[in-house]
Amino acid sequence: MSVSAAAQILGVRRATLSDFVNGNTSLSPEMALLVEKVFGLSMDIPLRVQAWHDANQVRARADEIDVRRHYS
């Protein structure tokens, strides 16, 4: 299925879906719900994949984050 066709089915702009497909934006809860309603895939699944991806992106930059642990 083309991006244009999927965008039309989902009721979103082609550019919006294209940005997601090409990795230029994260999956929003709204888009996940649209996918659930149109294709029957529980929105929890792609949202968990998105959260996993986001966490891995941050872990990859862990050396760039400089903080000290605070003990109370």
Protein backbone atom coordinates (compact mmCIF):
# COMPACT_ATOMS: atom_id res chain seq x y z
CA MET A 1 0.00 0.00 0.00
CA SER A 2 1.33 3.42 -0.88
CA VAL A 3 1.78 6.19 1.65
CA SER A 4 -0.82 8.24 -0.22
CA ALA A 5 -3.39 5.44 -0.06
CA ALA A 6 -2.72 4.74 3.63
CA ALA A 7 -2.92 8.45 4.46
CA GLN A 8 -6.27 8.69 2.72
CA ILE A 9 -7.60 5.65 4.58
CA LEU A 10 -6.35 7.00 7.92
CA GLY A 11 -7.68 10.47 7.20
CA VAL A 12 -4.34 12.22 7.62
CA ARG A 13 -2.22 14.31 5.30
CA ARG A 14 0.22 12.38 3.12
CA ALA A 15 3.09 14.51 4.47
CA THR A 16 2.16 13.58 8.05
CA LEU A 17 2.26 9.85 7.34
CA SER A 18 5.35 10.20 5.17
CA ASP A 19 7.21 11.92 8.02
CA PHE A 20 6.37 9.02 10.32
CA VAL A 21 7.23 6.31 7.79
CA ASN A 22 10.57 7.97 7.03
CA GLY A 23 11.50 8.28 10.70
CA ASN A 24 11.20 12.06 10.86
CA THR A 25 8.59 12.02 13.62
CA SER A 26 7.49 9.71 16.41
CA LEU A 27 4.27 7.77 16.54
CA SER A 28 1.65 9.81 18.35
CA PRO A 29 -1.09 8.22 20.44
CA GLU A 30 -3.61 9.69 18.00
CA MET A 31 -1.95 8.00 15.01
CA ALA A 32 -1.75 4.73 16.95
CA LEU A 33 -5.49 4.94 17.62
CA LEU A 34 -6.21 5.60 13.94
CA VAL A 35 -4.16 2.52 13.00
CA GLU A 36 -6.10 0.51 15.57
CA LYS A 37 -9.46 1.65 14.22
CA VAL A 38 -8.57 1.16 10.56
CA PHE A 39 -6.35 -1.92 10.60
CA GLY A 40 -7.35 -3.63 13.87
CA LEU A 41 -3.87 -3.58 15.44
CA SER A 42 -4.13 -2.71 19.13
CA MET A 43 -2.65 0.75 19.63
CA ASP A 44 -0.69 -0.57 22.62
CA ILE A 45 1.65 -2.56 20.37
CA PRO A 46 3.02 0.26 18.19
CA LEU A 47 3.12 2.62 21.19
CA ARG A 48 5.28 0.11 23.11
CA VAL A 49 7.58 -0.21 20.11
CA GLN A 50 7.83 3.59 19.92
CA ALA A 51 8.64 3.83 23.64
CA TRP A 52 11.31 1.12 23.27
CA HIS A 53 12.82 2.97 20.30
CA ASP A 54 12.82 6.31 22.15
CA ALA A 55 14.49 4.73 25.20
CA ASN A 56 17.20 3.16 23.05
CA GLN A 57 17.86 6.47 21.32
CA VAL A 58 18.44 8.13 24.69
CA ARG A 59 20.59 5.25 25.98
CA ALA A 60 22.79 5.61 22.91
CA ARG A 61 23.52 9.18 24.06
CA ALA A 62 24.00 8.30 27.75
CA ASP A 63 27.66 9.35 27.69
CA GLU A 64 26.58 12.86 26.65
CA ILE A 65 24.38 13.29 29.72
CA ASP A 66 26.45 14.47 32.68
CA VAL A 67 24.70 14.40 36.04
CA ARG A 68 25.59 13.24 39.51
CA ARG A 69 23.35 11.04 41.58
CA HIS A 70 21.74 12.88 44.49
CA TYR A 71 21.28 11.05 47.75
CA SER A 72 18.87 12.40 50.34
